[in-house]
């Protein structure tokens, strides 16, 4: 199942909805799962409170749906099957209670990130090739092969498939790194590797946007302004039973020119379940947490030595998940603190050395 979060315009404003892509549909239509499950309950069961149950089992919120676990999955499958029966019976635009729309054309909605605001965001590094072609980067240390490294990102910085990627004023090296996002579906803590896969709800494309030349200037405590201004998730959340996340072909292209092609299983040190287990050691994972696998192969600009610019369109494709295509636009510029710093209250050391 491929799940999405999409926005629709109504007389009362814009609302987010939980949807599922119709498999094999040439028009890429989207089923509104909340409305469709209510319609299924009204048509095929004696449920006395169909609207309330639909809001509980298929809420218009991805994290709420994940929290519903197997009951939410069952309801989504029933809703999809109901709509497919309507379409197969020759109903081109099936409607629910009081004319509620059950199916939307892709062009009529705005796709948001599947999780517009993840509960948390961790980004690992598991691909050995990453940064091997970058200048002045030392080889992987022995500890890299035993302790999966990660940083914690900014879950409020996530954008979706229909949003442009801003090019920050404070960098000349925008690097859009192609990764897989692992979405947690069950609460868990101190998980063993052999059990951790059961806690994965699904996968999405994760683009880690980096301002590479900021790190040495201001982010000397770790990723902050280098990373925290933009991440991309989308176009959908593919449930874990549908794909083998470690066996997918990927491609990155700019203005139609292929910059990188690779595979999620190539020279990979850890699988998804290893990362989930490691992150859960003395920490509780919750439905809606996202874990990035790190940059796949040589797909980042630090390795390709090719840098995207304002006005170009960058496209990411992952087999079994889909495609993201984003225009690069100028970022906002109001203050110049990241570029020029802020003079502090204390004078720097007389030697001029920074610490």
Protein backbone atom coordinates (compact mmCIF):
# COMPACT_ATOMS: atom_id res chain seq x y z
CA UNK A 1 0.00 0.00 0.00
CA UNK A 2 1.23 3.48 -0.89
CA UNK A 3 -0.03 6.11 1.53
CA UNK A 4 0.06 9.87 1.08
CA UNK A 5 -0.87 13.06 2.85
CA UNK A 6 -2.61 15.51 0.52
CA UNK A 7 -4.30 18.90 0.83
CA UNK A 8 -7.62 19.91 -0.70
CA UNK A 9 -9.21 23.32 -0.97
CA UNK A 10 -12.71 23.71 0.47
CA UNK A 11 -15.00 26.69 1.11
CA UNK A 12 -13.71 26.60 4.69
CA UNK A 13 -10.04 26.58 3.71
CA UNK A 14 -7.33 24.02 3.01
CA UNK A 15 -7.44 20.68 4.81
CA UNK A 16 -4.99 17.79 4.97
CA UNK A 17 -6.29 14.32 4.20
CA UNK A 18 -4.94 10.77 4.43
CA UNK A 19 -4.90 9.00 1.09
CA UNK A 20 -3.76 5.89 -0.74
CA UNK A 21 -2.63 5.64 -4.34
CA UNK A 22 -4.73 3.44 -6.60
CA UNK A 23 -2.28 0.76 -7.77
CA UNK A 24 -2.05 0.49 -11.53
CA UNK A 25 -4.17 3.57 -12.13
CA UNK A 26 -2.74 5.41 -15.16
CA UNK A 27 -3.93 8.76 -13.82
CA UNK A 28 -2.34 8.33 -10.39
CA UNK A 29 -5.64 8.89 -8.59
CA UNK A 30 -5.79 9.09 -4.80
CA UNK A 31 -8.40 7.56 -2.50
CA UNK A 32 -9.46 9.63 0.51
CA UNK A 33 -9.24 6.88 3.12
CA UNK A 34 -11.30 8.62 5.80
CA UNK A 35 -14.22 9.33 3.48
CA UNK A 36 -13.95 5.95 1.77
CA UNK A 37 -13.94 4.00 5.02
CA UNK A 38 -17.02 5.87 6.21
CA UNK A 39 -18.73 5.05 2.90
CA UNK A 40 -17.75 1.39 3.27
CA UNK A 41 -19.19 1.26 6.80
CA UNK A 42 -22.45 2.87 5.71
CA UNK A 43 -22.88 0.59 2.71
CA UNK A 44 -21.68 -2.76 3.98
CA UNK A 45 -22.04 -2.94 7.77
CA UNK A 46 -24.50 -2.15 10.52
CA UNK A 47 -22.00 0.17 12.26
CA UNK A 48 -24.12 2.77 14.15
CA UNK A 49 -21.44 5.48 14.19
CA UNK A 50 -19.64 5.26 10.82
CA UNK A 51 -18.28 8.81 10.79
CA UNK A 52 -16.82 8.54 14.28
CA UNK A 53 -15.29 5.13 13.60
CA UNK A 54 -13.79 6.32 10.32
CA UNK A 55 -12.21 9.27 12.12
CA UNK A 56 -10.72 6.83 14.64
CA UNK A 57 -9.52 4.09 12.28
CA UNK A 58 -8.50 6.25 9.28
CA UNK A 59 -7.85 9.71 10.70
CA UNK A 60 -6.71 12.38 8.20
CA UNK A 61 -3.28 12.34 9.84
CA UNK A 62 -0.48 9.88 9.09
CA UNK A 63 0.85 9.64 12.63
CA UNK A 64 -2.67 9.04 13.93
CA UNK A 65 -3.09 6.30 11.34
CA UNK A 66 0.23 4.68 12.33
CA UNK A 67 -0.86 4.66 15.96
CA UNK A 68 -3.90 2.63 14.94
CA UNK A 69 -1.57 -0.26 14.01
CA UNK A 70 -3.25 -3.38 12.52
CA UNK A 71 -6.76 -1.98 12.99
CA UNK A 72 -5.90 1.09 10.91
CA UNK A 73 -4.28 -1.07 8.24
CA UNK A 74 -7.35 -3.31 8.06
CA UNK A 75 -9.64 -0.27 7.73
CA UNK A 76 -7.49 1.22 4.95
CA UNK A 77 -7.57 -2.05 3.01
CA UNK A 78 -11.35 -2.26 3.35
CA UNK A 79 -11.72 1.35 2.18
CA UNK A 80 -9.51 0.72 -0.86
CA UNK A 81 -11.35 -2.48 -1.76
CA UNK A 82 -14.69 -0.66 -1.51
CA UNK A 83 -13.55 2.07 -3.91
CA UNK A 84 -12.11 -0.45 -6.36
CA UNK A 85 -15.47 -2.24 -6.44
CA UNK A 86 -17.21 1.04 -7.18
CA UNK A 87 -14.80 1.81 -10.01
CA UNK A 88 -15.06 -1.72 -11.41
CA UNK A 89 -18.84 -1.37 -11.44
CA UNK A 90 -18.50 1.56 -13.81
CA UNK A 91 -18.80 4.42 -11.35
CA UNK A 92 -16.15 6.93 -12.56
CA UNK A 93 -16.53 9.31 -9.61
CA UNK A 94 -17.73 7.36 -6.55
CA UNK A 95 -19.22 9.45 -3.78
CA UNK A 96 -19.81 8.88 -0.09
CA UNK A 97 -22.25 10.21 2.49
CA UNK A 98 -23.77 13.57 1.52
CA UNK A 99 -21.76 13.57 -1.70
CA UNK A 100 -18.34 13.29 -0.06
CA UNK A 101 -15.65 12.82 -2.68
CA UNK A 102 -13.83 9.49 -2.40
CA UNK A 103 -11.31 9.74 -5.26
CA UNK A 104 -9.16 12.69 -6.33
CA UNK A 105 -7.16 13.25 -9.48
CA UNK A 106 -3.52 13.99 -8.79
CA UNK A 107 -3.82 17.39 -10.47
CA UNK A 108 -6.61 18.43 -8.08
CA UNK A 109 -4.61 18.07 -4.86
CA UNK A 110 -1.35 19.21 -3.33
CA UNK A 111 0.85 16.40 -2.11
CA UNK A 112 2.49 17.06 1.21
CA UNK A 113 5.22 15.00 2.84
CA UNK A 114 3.69 11.68 3.97
CA UNK A 115 4.56 12.83 7.50
CA UNK A 116 4.41 16.63 7.30
CA UNK A 117 6.04 16.80 10.71
CA UNK A 118 7.67 13.56 11.86
CA UNK A 119 7.83 12.97 15.58
CA UNK A 120 11.62 12.89 15.34
CA UNK A 121 14.26 12.75 12.64
CA UNK A 122 17.49 10.76 12.83
CA UNK A 123 19.86 10.43 9.89
CA UNK A 124 22.42 7.62 9.75
CA UNK A 125 25.31 6.85 7.39
CA UNK A 126 25.46 3.23 6.24
CA UNK A 127 26.82 3.33 2.67
CA UNK A 128 30.56 2.84 2.48
CA UNK A 129 31.00 4.69 -0.83
CA UNK A 130 29.53 7.93 0.51
CA UNK A 131 32.21 10.67 0.65
CA UNK A 132 34.91 8.45 -0.83
CA UNK A 133 35.27 10.86 -3.79
CA UNK A 134 35.00 14.01 -1.68
CA UNK A 135 38.13 16.14 -1.26
CA UNK A 136 39.98 16.06 2.08
CA UNK A 137 37.64 13.46 3.65
CA UNK A 138 39.52 10.65 5.44
CA UNK A 139 38.54 6.98 4.97
CA UNK A 140 35.88 5.47 7.23
CA UNK A 141 37.23 4.88 10.72
CA UNK A 142 37.10 1.33 12.14
CA UNK A 143 34.32 2.38 14.54
CA UNK A 144 32.09 3.21 11.55
CA UNK A 145 31.85 -0.52 10.85
CA UNK A 146 30.59 -1.31 14.36
CA UNK A 147 28.62 1.71 15.59
CA UNK A 148 26.17 3.20 13.05
CA UNK A 149 26.67 6.99 13.21
CA UNK A 150 23.78 9.42 13.06
CA UNK A 151 22.73 12.96 13.90
CA UNK A 152 19.33 14.27 14.95
CA UNK A 153 17.70 16.58 12.46
CA UNK A 154 14.92 19.13 12.54
CA UNK A 155 11.47 17.51 12.05
CA UNK A 156 9.91 20.95 11.56
CA UNK A 157 11.97 21.56 8.41
CA UNK A 158 10.29 18.87 6.27
CA UNK A 159 8.80 19.80 2.89
CA UNK A 160 6.81 17.68 0.46
CA UNK A 161 6.69 16.61 -3.20
CA UNK A 162 4.99 19.75 -4.48
CA UNK A 163 7.33 22.21 -2.75
CA UNK A 164 10.44 23.81 -4.27
CA UNK A 165 13.81 23.37 -2.56
CA UNK A 166 15.18 26.72 -1.35
CA UNK A 167 18.82 27.55 -2.03
CA UNK A 168 20.06 29.28 1.16
CA UNK A 169 21.74 32.64 0.72
CA UNK A 170 24.56 31.57 3.03
CA UNK A 171 25.95 28.73 0.89
CA UNK A 172 27.50 28.22 -2.49
CA UNK A 173 27.38 24.44 -2.16
CA UNK A 174 23.82 23.14 -1.95
CA UNK A 175 23.98 19.34 -1.78
CA UNK A 176 20.73 17.34 -2.10
CA UNK A 177 21.52 13.84 -0.82
CA UNK A 178 19.40 10.86 -1.88
CA UNK A 179 18.40 8.53 0.97
CA UNK A 180 15.68 6.15 2.13
CA UNK A 181 13.52 7.15 5.09
CA UNK A 182 12.52 4.39 7.51
CA UNK A 183 9.17 5.14 9.19
CA UNK A 184 8.50 3.69 12.63
CA UNK A 185 5.04 2.20 13.12
CA UNK A 186 5.08 0.86 16.69
CA UNK A 187 6.36 2.09 20.03
CA UNK A 188 9.47 0.19 21.07
CA UNK A 189 12.50 0.40 23.30
CA UNK A 190 15.67 -1.70 23.66
CA UNK A 191 14.78 -3.75 20.60
CA UNK A 192 16.83 -6.68 19.39
CA UNK A 193 17.90 -6.66 15.74
CA UNK A 194 15.92 -9.81 15.04
CA UNK A 195 12.72 -8.13 16.30
CA UNK A 196 13.25 -4.58 15.06
CA UNK A 197 11.86 -5.09 11.55
CA UNK A 198 8.39 -5.62 13.05
CA UNK A 199 8.47 -1.99 14.20
CA UNK A 200 8.92 -0.55 10.70
CA UNK A 201 5.69 0.72 9.14
CA UNK A 202 7.21 1.51 5.77
CA UNK A 203 9.62 3.51 3.69
CA UNK A 204 9.77 6.80 1.82
CA UNK A 205 12.33 8.84 -0.11
CA UNK A 206 14.32 11.13 2.16
CA UNK A 207 16.34 14.01 0.72
CA UNK A 208 18.88 15.42 3.15
CA UNK A 209 19.62 18.97 1.98
CA UNK A 210 23.04 20.18 3.09
CA UNK A 211 24.87 23.50 2.89
CA UNK A 212 28.32 22.00 2.62
CA UNK A 213 30.47 25.09 3.04
CA UNK A 214 28.73 26.18 6.26
CA UNK A 215 30.08 23.36 8.41
CA UNK A 216 33.65 24.63 8.74
CA UNK A 217 32.51 28.24 9.17
CA UNK A 218 29.85 28.05 11.88
CA UNK A 219 28.65 24.52 12.61
CA UNK A 220 31.71 23.38 14.53
CA UNK A 221 29.55 21.64 17.18
CA UNK A 222 27.87 19.46 14.55
CA UNK A 223 25.09 19.77 11.97
CA UNK A 224 22.88 22.79 12.60
CA UNK A 225 22.55 25.49 9.96
CA UNK A 226 24.29 23.05 7.62
CA UNK A 227 21.22 20.79 7.73
CA UNK A 228 18.29 22.20 9.67
CA UNK A 229 16.66 24.41 7.04
CA UNK A 230 15.19 21.78 4.67
CA UNK A 231 14.55 18.05 4.32
CA UNK A 232 12.24 16.34 1.83
CA UNK A 233 10.01 13.30 2.40
CA UNK A 234 7.82 11.70 -0.24
CA UNK A 235 6.09 11.13 -2.47
CA UNK A 236 4.45 8.40 -0.40
CA UNK A 237 4.92 5.96 2.45
CA UNK A 238 5.19 2.45 1.02
CA UNK A 239 4.22 -0.17 3.60
CA UNK A 240 7.05 -2.48 4.61
CA UNK A 241 5.43 -5.59 3.14
CA UNK A 242 5.51 -4.15 -0.38
CA UNK A 243 9.26 -3.66 -1.01
CA UNK A 244 12.68 -4.95 -0.06
CA UNK A 245 14.25 -1.66 0.96
CA UNK A 246 17.80 -3.03 0.60
CA UNK A 247 17.23 -4.11 -3.01
CA UNK A 248 16.08 -1.04 -4.94
CA UNK A 249 17.48 0.80 -7.95
CA UNK A 250 17.86 4.58 -7.59
CA UNK A 251 18.58 7.50 -9.90
CA UNK A 252 19.34 11.21 -9.48
CA UNK A 253 19.09 13.60 -12.43
CA UNK A 254 19.23 17.36 -12.96
CA UNK A 255 17.29 18.98 -15.81
CA UNK A 256 16.93 15.50 -17.31
CA UNK A 257 20.65 14.66 -17.22
CA UNK A 258 21.49 11.64 -15.07
CA UNK A 259 24.07 12.47 -12.40
CA UNK A 260 23.93 9.18 -10.51
CA UNK A 261 22.48 5.69 -10.76
CA UNK A 262 22.90 3.12 -8.01
CA UNK A 263 21.38 0.51 -5.73
CA UNK A 264 20.34 0.48 -2.07
CA UNK A 265 22.17 -2.79 -1.42
CA UNK A 266 25.59 -1.80 -2.77
CA UNK A 267 28.43 -1.63 -0.20
CA UNK A 268 25.95 -1.18 2.62
CA UNK A 269 27.08 -1.80 6.19
CA UNK A 270 23.72 -1.91 8.04
CA UNK A 271 20.13 -2.82 7.18
CA UNK A 272 17.04 -0.96 8.34
CA UNK A 273 16.47 -3.26 11.32
CA UNK A 274 20.02 -2.62 12.58
CA UNK A 275 19.36 1.12 12.63
CA UNK A 276 16.01 0.75 14.38
CA UNK A 277 17.54 -1.51 17.04
CA UNK A 278 20.51 0.82 17.59
CA UNK A 279 18.31 3.92 17.88
CA UNK A 280 16.07 2.12 20.40
CA UNK A 281 18.90 1.31 22.81
CA UNK A 282 17.85 3.21 25.97
CA UNK A 283 15.51 5.36 23.87
CA UNK A 284 11.84 4.86 23.06
CA UNK A 285 10.86 4.97 19.41
CA UNK A 286 7.34 6.11 18.55
CA UNK A 287 5.03 5.83 15.54
CA UNK A 288 5.97 8.61 13.16
CA UNK A 289 9.69 8.69 13.96
CA UNK A 290 11.83 8.75 10.80
CA UNK A 291 15.31 7.27 10.41
CA UNK A 292 17.35 8.10 7.31
CA UNK A 293 19.74 5.53 5.90
CA UNK A 294 22.27 8.14 4.85
CA UNK A 295 23.36 9.02 1.33
CA UNK A 296 23.15 6.14 -1.14
CA UNK A 297 26.47 5.45 -2.82
CA UNK A 298 28.00 8.41 -4.63
CA UNK A 299 24.74 10.31 -5.09
CA UNK A 300 25.75 13.54 -3.34
CA UNK A 301 27.52 16.50 -4.91
CA UNK A 302 30.54 16.04 -2.68
CA UNK A 303 31.16 12.80 -4.60
CA UNK A 304 29.89 13.73 -8.08
CA UNK A 305 31.57 17.18 -7.98
CA UNK A 306 28.49 18.61 -9.67
CA UNK A 307 26.40 21.23 -7.88
CA UNK A 308 22.80 22.14 -8.48
CA UNK A 309 21.94 25.80 -9.06
CA UNK A 310 18.91 28.09 -8.76
CA UNK A 311 16.51 27.52 -11.63
CA UNK A 312 17.39 23.88 -12.16
CA UNK A 313 15.08 20.93 -11.45
CA UNK A 314 16.48 18.00 -9.49
CA UNK A 315 14.75 14.62 -9.69
CA UNK A 316 15.12 11.60 -7.43
CA UNK A 317 13.76 8.16 -8.35
CA UNK A 318 13.61 5.07 -6.14
CA UNK A 319 12.26 1.79 -7.45
CA UNK A 320 9.07 0.75 -5.68
CA UNK A 321 8.57 4.11 -3.96
CA UNK A 322 8.34 6.69 -6.72
CA UNK A 323 9.80 9.97 -7.87
CA UNK A 324 10.41 13.41 -6.40
CA UNK A 325 11.08 16.36 -8.70
CA UNK A 326 11.89 19.79 -7.26
CA UNK A 327 12.66 23.21 -8.67
CA UNK A 328 15.56 24.97 -6.95
CA UNK A 329 14.55 28.50 -5.94
CA UNK A 330 16.33 31.32 -4.09
CA UNK A 331 16.04 31.08 -0.32
CA UNK A 332 14.93 33.99 1.79
CA UNK A 333 17.41 36.60 2.94
CA UNK A 334 16.42 38.89 5.82
CA UNK A 335 19.38 38.83 8.20
CA UNK A 336 22.96 37.72 7.50
CA UNK A 337 23.89 36.00 10.76
CA UNK A 338 24.74 32.59 9.28
CA UNK A 339 26.98 34.20 6.68
CA UNK A 340 28.62 36.96 8.71
CA UNK A 341 28.10 35.86 12.32
CA UNK A 342 27.04 37.96 15.31
CA UNK A 343 29.71 39.87 17.26
CA UNK A 344 29.72 38.51 20.79
CA UNK A 345 30.05 40.23 24.13
CA UNK A 346 33.57 38.97 24.73
CA UNK A 347 36.66 39.84 22.73
CA UNK A 348 38.33 37.00 20.84
CA UNK A 349 41.70 35.77 22.11
CA UNK A 350 44.48 38.21 21.37
CA UNK A 351 46.18 35.59 19.20
CA UNK A 352 43.19 35.63 16.92
CA UNK A 353 42.85 31.86 17.24
CA UNK A 354 39.32 30.48 17.39
CA UNK A 355 38.29 27.64 19.72
